[in-house]
Amino acid sequence: MRWNLRLTAANKGIWKASELQRNLAEHGLVISAGKMSGLWSGQPVSLKLEDLDVICVVLGCEIGDLLIPEPGKVTRPGQKETDRVAVGSGTITPVVVPKRRDGRSLPPA
């Protein structure tokens, strides 16, 4: 799954993590600055379903807007990671996930 919070928030006119953090707090979900930073710029390791409900209410979105399936990343036992492919519009292309070296997150795609 790909976490799509930043793009979903931007589509609703929320451009800063602090603004979303304030909106979430107004709806009863108080998130620390550190956890908010992780939600905003990374892929959360864990997230409560109740928290997802509040995020969806604040952003006026569906869960499918926040979590994008990536079936091409699923491997079978014994399958090499390089054997994974993404299928799109009838062609097969290798899955490429760019990463920055300085640890910062990339902008939403």
N, C-alpha and C. Protein backbone atom coordinates (compact mmCIF):
# COMPACT_ATOMS: atom_id res chain seq x y z
N MET A 1 0.84 -1.19 0.00
CA MET A 1 0.00 0.00 0.00
C MET A 1 0.88 1.25 0.00
N ARG A 2 0.42 2.25 -0.70
CA ARG A 2 1.12 3.53 -0.71
C ARG A 2 0.28 4.53 0.07
N TRP A 3 0.90 5.25 0.98
CA TRP A 3 0.25 6.25 1.81
C TRP A 3 0.19 7.55 1.02
N ASN A 4 -0.98 8.12 0.88
CA ASN A 4 -1.22 9.24 -0.02
C ASN A 4 -1.80 10.45 0.72
N LEU A 5 -1.35 10.69 1.94
CA LEU A 5 -1.92 11.77 2.76
C LEU A 5 -1.64 13.15 2.18
N ARG A 6 -0.40 13.41 1.79
CA ARG A 6 -0.05 14.76 1.33
C ARG A 6 -0.85 15.19 0.11
N LEU A 7 -0.97 14.30 -0.86
CA LEU A 7 -1.71 14.65 -2.07
C LEU A 7 -3.20 14.81 -1.77
N THR A 8 -3.73 13.94 -0.93
CA THR A 8 -5.15 14.05 -0.56
C THR A 8 -5.41 15.36 0.17
N ALA A 9 -4.51 15.72 1.09
CA ALA A 9 -4.66 16.99 1.82
C ALA A 9 -4.53 18.17 0.86
N ALA A 10 -3.56 18.11 -0.05
CA ALA A 10 -3.38 19.21 -1.01
C ALA A 10 -4.62 19.40 -1.88
N ASN A 11 -5.26 18.30 -2.26
CA ASN A 11 -6.48 18.39 -3.05
C ASN A 11 -7.61 19.07 -2.28
N LYS A 12 -7.52 19.07 -0.96
CA LYS A 12 -8.52 19.73 -0.11
C LYS A 12 -8.06 21.11 0.35
N GLY A 13 -6.91 21.57 -0.18
CA GLY A 13 -6.42 22.91 0.16
C GLY A 13 -5.59 22.98 1.42
N ILE A 14 -5.15 21.85 1.93
CA ILE A 14 -4.30 21.83 3.13
C ILE A 14 -2.87 21.55 2.67
N TRP A 15 -1.99 22.53 2.87
CA TRP A 15 -0.64 22.44 2.34
C TRP A 15 0.42 22.21 3.40
N LYS A 16 0.07 22.36 4.67
CA LYS A 16 1.05 22.20 5.74
C LYS A 16 0.58 21.17 6.74
N ALA A 17 1.55 20.40 7.24
CA ALA A 17 1.24 19.37 8.25
C ALA A 17 0.64 20.01 9.49
N SER A 18 1.14 21.17 9.87
CA SER A 18 0.63 21.84 11.08
C SER A 18 -0.84 22.22 10.93
N GLU A 19 -1.25 22.59 9.74
CA GLU A 19 -2.65 22.94 9.50
C GLU A 19 -3.54 21.70 9.66
N LEU A 20 -3.09 20.58 9.08
CA LEU A 20 -3.85 19.33 9.23
C LEU A 20 -3.86 18.89 10.69
N GLN A 21 -2.75 19.05 11.37
CA GLN A 21 -2.65 18.68 12.79
C GLN A 21 -3.68 19.46 13.61
N ARG A 22 -3.82 20.75 13.36
CA ARG A 22 -4.81 21.57 14.07
C ARG A 22 -6.23 21.10 13.76
N ASN A 23 -6.50 20.82 12.49
CA ASN A 23 -7.84 20.35 12.10
C ASN A 23 -8.17 19.01 12.75
N LEU A 24 -7.19 18.13 12.82
CA LEU A 24 -7.41 16.83 13.46
C LEU A 24 -7.69 17.01 14.95
N ALA A 25 -6.95 17.91 15.60
CA ALA A 25 -7.14 18.17 17.04
C ALA A 25 -8.54 18.72 17.30
N GLU A 26 -9.06 19.54 16.39
CA GLU A 26 -10.42 20.08 16.53
C GLU A 26 -11.46 18.97 16.48
N HIS A 27 -11.11 17.84 15.87
CA HIS A 27 -12.01 16.70 15.79
C HIS A 27 -11.66 15.61 16.80
N GLY A 28 -10.81 15.95 17.78
CA GLY A 28 -10.52 15.04 18.87
C GLY A 28 -9.31 14.14 18.68
N LEU A 29 -8.59 14.28 17.59
CA LEU A 29 -7.41 13.46 17.35
C LEU A 29 -6.16 14.32 17.54
N VAL A 30 -5.55 14.19 18.72
CA VAL A 30 -4.34 14.96 19.04
C VAL A 30 -3.14 14.11 18.67
N ILE A 31 -2.31 14.63 17.76
CA ILE A 31 -1.14 13.91 17.26
C ILE A 31 0.09 14.73 17.60
N SER A 32 1.13 14.06 18.11
CA SER A 32 2.38 14.75 18.41
C SER A 32 3.02 15.24 17.12
N ALA A 33 3.91 16.22 17.27
CA ALA A 33 4.60 16.77 16.10
C ALA A 33 5.41 15.69 15.39
N GLY A 34 6.04 14.81 16.15
CA GLY A 34 6.84 13.74 15.55
C GLY A 34 6.00 12.77 14.75
N LYS A 35 4.87 12.35 15.31
CA LYS A 35 4.00 11.41 14.60
C LYS A 35 3.38 12.09 13.39
N MET A 36 3.02 13.37 13.53
CA MET A 36 2.44 14.11 12.40
C MET A 36 3.45 14.21 11.27
N SER A 37 4.70 14.44 11.61
CA SER A 37 5.75 14.51 10.60
C SER A 37 5.87 13.19 9.86
N GLY A 38 5.79 12.07 10.59
CA GLY A 38 5.84 10.76 9.96
C GLY A 38 4.65 10.50 9.06
N LEU A 39 3.47 10.91 9.49
CA LEU A 39 2.27 10.73 8.68
C LEU A 39 2.33 11.58 7.41
N TRP A 40 2.84 12.79 7.56
CA TRP A 40 2.87 13.75 6.46
C TRP A 40 3.93 13.41 5.42
N SER A 41 5.10 13.00 5.88
CA SER A 41 6.21 12.86 4.94
C SER A 41 6.66 11.43 4.70
N GLY A 42 6.02 10.48 5.31
CA GLY A 42 6.47 9.11 5.14
C GLY A 42 5.33 8.13 5.03
N GLN A 43 5.65 6.91 5.27
CA GLN A 43 4.69 5.80 5.25
C GLN A 43 4.51 5.36 6.70
N PRO A 44 3.32 5.51 7.28
CA PRO A 44 3.15 5.13 8.68
C PRO A 44 3.35 3.63 8.88
N VAL A 45 4.00 3.28 9.97
CA VAL A 45 4.20 1.88 10.31
C VAL A 45 2.90 1.29 10.82
N SER A 46 2.21 2.05 11.65
CA SER A 46 0.91 1.62 12.16
C SER A 46 0.02 2.83 12.35
N LEU A 47 -1.28 2.60 12.22
CA LEU A 47 -2.25 3.66 12.37
C LEU A 47 -3.56 3.03 12.80
N LYS A 48 -4.17 3.58 13.83
CA LYS A 48 -5.44 3.04 14.32
C LYS A 48 -6.56 3.33 13.32
N LEU A 49 -7.49 2.40 13.22
CA LEU A 49 -8.62 2.58 12.32
C LEU A 49 -9.44 3.80 12.72
N GLU A 50 -9.55 4.04 14.03
CA GLU A 50 -10.29 5.22 14.50
C GLU A 50 -9.62 6.50 14.02
N ASP A 51 -8.27 6.50 14.00
CA ASP A 51 -7.53 7.67 13.52
C ASP A 51 -7.77 7.87 12.02
N LEU A 52 -7.83 6.78 11.27
CA LEU A 52 -8.12 6.88 9.84
C LEU A 52 -9.51 7.48 9.61
N ASP A 53 -10.46 7.09 10.46
CA ASP A 53 -11.81 7.66 10.35
C ASP A 53 -11.77 9.18 10.51
N VAL A 54 -11.04 9.65 11.52
CA VAL A 54 -10.97 11.10 11.77
C VAL A 54 -10.27 11.80 10.61
N ILE A 55 -9.19 11.22 10.11
CA ILE A 55 -8.48 11.82 8.98
C ILE A 55 -9.41 11.94 7.77
N CYS A 56 -10.18 10.89 7.51
CA CYS A 56 -11.12 10.91 6.39
C CYS A 56 -12.20 11.97 6.58
N VAL A 57 -12.69 12.12 7.81
CA VAL A 57 -13.71 13.14 8.07
C VAL A 57 -13.13 14.54 7.85
N VAL A 58 -11.94 14.79 8.40
CA VAL A 58 -11.31 16.11 8.28
C VAL A 58 -11.03 16.45 6.82
N LEU A 59 -10.55 15.47 6.05
CA LEU A 59 -10.20 15.73 4.66
C LEU A 59 -11.38 15.54 3.71
N GLY A 60 -12.50 15.02 4.22
CA GLY A 60 -13.66 14.78 3.37
C GLY A 60 -13.33 13.81 2.25
N CYS A 61 -12.64 12.72 2.62
CA CYS A 61 -12.19 11.76 1.61
C CYS A 61 -12.60 10.35 2.00
N GLU A 62 -12.34 9.42 1.11
CA GLU A 62 -12.56 8.01 1.35
C GLU A 62 -11.22 7.36 1.70
N ILE A 63 -11.25 6.19 2.30
CA ILE A 63 -10.03 5.48 2.67
C ILE A 63 -9.19 5.17 1.42
N GLY A 64 -9.85 4.96 0.29
CA GLY A 64 -9.14 4.69 -0.95
C GLY A 64 -8.34 5.87 -1.47
N ASP A 65 -8.64 7.07 -0.97
CA ASP A 65 -7.85 8.24 -1.34
C ASP A 65 -6.53 8.27 -0.56
N LEU A 66 -6.54 7.69 0.64
CA LEU A 66 -5.35 7.70 1.49
C LEU A 66 -4.45 6.49 1.27
N LEU A 67 -5.05 5.35 0.97
CA LEU A 67 -4.30 4.11 0.80
C LEU A 67 -4.46 3.62 -0.63
N ILE A 68 -3.37 3.62 -1.37
CA ILE A 68 -3.39 3.20 -2.77
C ILE A 68 -2.77 1.80 -2.87
N PRO A 69 -3.53 0.81 -3.35
CA PRO A 69 -2.98 -0.55 -3.46
C PRO A 69 -1.82 -0.59 -4.47
N GLU A 70 -0.82 -1.40 -4.16
CA GLU A 70 0.31 -1.62 -5.06
C GLU A 70 0.55 -3.12 -5.18
N PRO A 71 -0.31 -3.81 -5.94
CA PRO A 71 -0.19 -5.26 -6.04
C PRO A 71 1.13 -5.72 -6.65
N GLY A 72 1.79 -4.88 -7.42
CA GLY A 72 3.07 -5.25 -8.01
C GLY A 72 4.18 -5.43 -7.00
N LYS A 73 3.98 -4.94 -5.78
CA LYS A 73 4.99 -5.08 -4.74
C LYS A 73 4.86 -6.37 -3.95
N VAL A 74 3.81 -7.13 -4.19
CA VAL A 74 3.58 -8.37 -3.46
C VAL A 74 4.42 -9.47 -4.11
N THR A 75 5.19 -10.16 -3.29
CA THR A 75 6.00 -11.27 -3.80
C THR A 75 5.53 -12.57 -3.18
N ARG A 76 5.76 -13.63 -3.89
CA ARG A 76 5.48 -14.97 -3.37
C ARG A 76 6.74 -15.49 -2.69
N PRO A 77 6.59 -16.42 -1.77
CA PRO A 77 7.78 -17.00 -1.14
C PRO A 77 8.72 -17.58 -2.21
N GLY A 78 9.98 -17.21 -2.13
CA GLY A 78 10.97 -17.69 -3.08
C GLY A 78 11.13 -16.82 -4.30
N GLN A 79 10.21 -15.87 -4.52
CA GLN A 79 10.31 -14.97 -5.68
C GLN A 79 11.32 -13.89 -5.38
N LYS A 80 12.20 -13.61 -6.33
CA LYS A 80 13.19 -12.55 -6.16
C LYS A 80 12.51 -11.20 -6.27
N GLU A 81 13.05 -10.23 -5.54
CA GLU A 81 12.47 -8.89 -5.58
C GLU A 81 12.59 -8.29 -6.97
N THR A 82 13.61 -8.64 -7.72
CA THR A 82 13.79 -8.10 -9.06
C THR A 82 12.80 -8.69 -10.06
N ASP A 83 12.08 -9.76 -9.69
CA ASP A 83 11.11 -10.38 -10.57
C ASP A 83 9.76 -9.66 -10.55
N ARG A 84 9.58 -8.74 -9.61
CA ARG A 84 8.30 -8.04 -9.52
C ARG A 84 8.15 -7.08 -10.69
N VAL A 85 6.92 -6.98 -11.21
CA VAL A 85 6.64 -6.06 -12.29
C VAL A 85 5.31 -5.38 -12.03
N ALA A 86 5.15 -4.22 -12.61
CA ALA A 86 3.88 -3.51 -12.55
C ALA A 86 3.21 -3.64 -13.91
N VAL A 87 1.92 -3.89 -13.91
CA VAL A 87 1.20 -4.02 -15.15
C VAL A 87 0.34 -2.78 -15.31
N GLY A 88 0.50 -2.11 -16.44
CA GLY A 88 -0.28 -0.90 -16.69
C GLY A 88 -0.51 -0.72 -18.17
N SER A 89 -1.71 -0.50 -18.55
CA SER A 89 -2.13 -0.25 -19.93
C SER A 89 -1.59 -1.28 -20.91
N GLY A 90 -1.58 -2.56 -20.49
CA GLY A 90 -1.21 -3.61 -21.40
C GLY A 90 0.28 -3.86 -21.55
N THR A 91 1.12 -3.06 -20.92
CA THR A 91 2.56 -3.28 -21.02
C THR A 91 3.11 -3.64 -19.65
N ILE A 92 4.22 -4.35 -19.65
CA ILE A 92 4.86 -4.75 -18.40
C ILE A 92 6.14 -3.94 -18.26
N THR A 93 6.25 -3.22 -17.15
CA THR A 93 7.44 -2.41 -16.88
C THR A 93 7.94 -2.70 -15.49
N PRO A 94 9.24 -2.60 -15.26
CA PRO A 94 9.77 -2.82 -13.92
C PRO A 94 9.27 -1.75 -12.96
N VAL A 95 9.10 -2.13 -11.70
CA VAL A 95 8.68 -1.18 -10.68
C VAL A 95 9.90 -0.41 -10.22
N VAL A 96 9.85 0.92 -10.30
CA VAL A 96 10.94 1.77 -9.87
C VAL A 96 10.40 2.72 -8.81
N VAL A 97 11.03 2.71 -7.64
CA VAL A 97 10.62 3.59 -6.56
C VAL A 97 11.79 4.49 -6.23
N PRO A 98 11.74 5.79 -6.61
CA PRO A 98 12.86 6.69 -6.33
C PRO A 98 12.94 7.00 -4.85
N LYS A 99 14.16 7.12 -4.35
CA LYS A 99 14.39 7.48 -2.95
C LYS A 99 15.47 8.54 -2.89
N ARG A 100 15.29 9.49 -2.01
CA ARG A 100 16.31 10.50 -1.80
C ARG A 100 17.37 9.97 -0.85
N ARG A 101 18.58 10.42 -1.00
CA ARG A 101 19.67 9.97 -0.15
C ARG A 101 19.73 10.71 1.18
N ASP A 102 19.13 11.89 1.25
CA ASP A 102 19.21 12.67 2.48
C ASP A 102 18.10 12.35 3.47
N GLY A 103 17.26 11.36 3.17
CA GLY A 103 16.23 10.93 4.11
C GLY A 103 14.93 11.69 4.03
N ARG A 104 14.89 12.77 3.27
CA ARG A 104 13.65 13.54 3.14
C ARG A 104 12.70 12.85 2.18
N SER A 105 11.44 13.12 2.34
CA SER A 105 10.46 12.48 1.48
C SER A 105 10.36 13.22 0.14
N LEU A 106 9.95 12.49 -0.86
CA LEU A 106 9.72 13.08 -2.17
C LEU A 106 8.32 13.69 -2.20
N PRO A 107 8.08 14.67 -3.08
CA PRO A 107 6.73 15.23 -3.18
C PRO A 107 5.77 14.16 -3.68
N PRO A 108 4.47 14.32 -3.42
CA PRO A 108 3.50 13.34 -3.88
C PRO A 108 3.51 13.23 -5.39
N ALA A 109 3.27 12.03 -5.88
CA ALA A 109 3.26 11.80 -7.35
C ALA A 109 1.93 12.16 -7.93
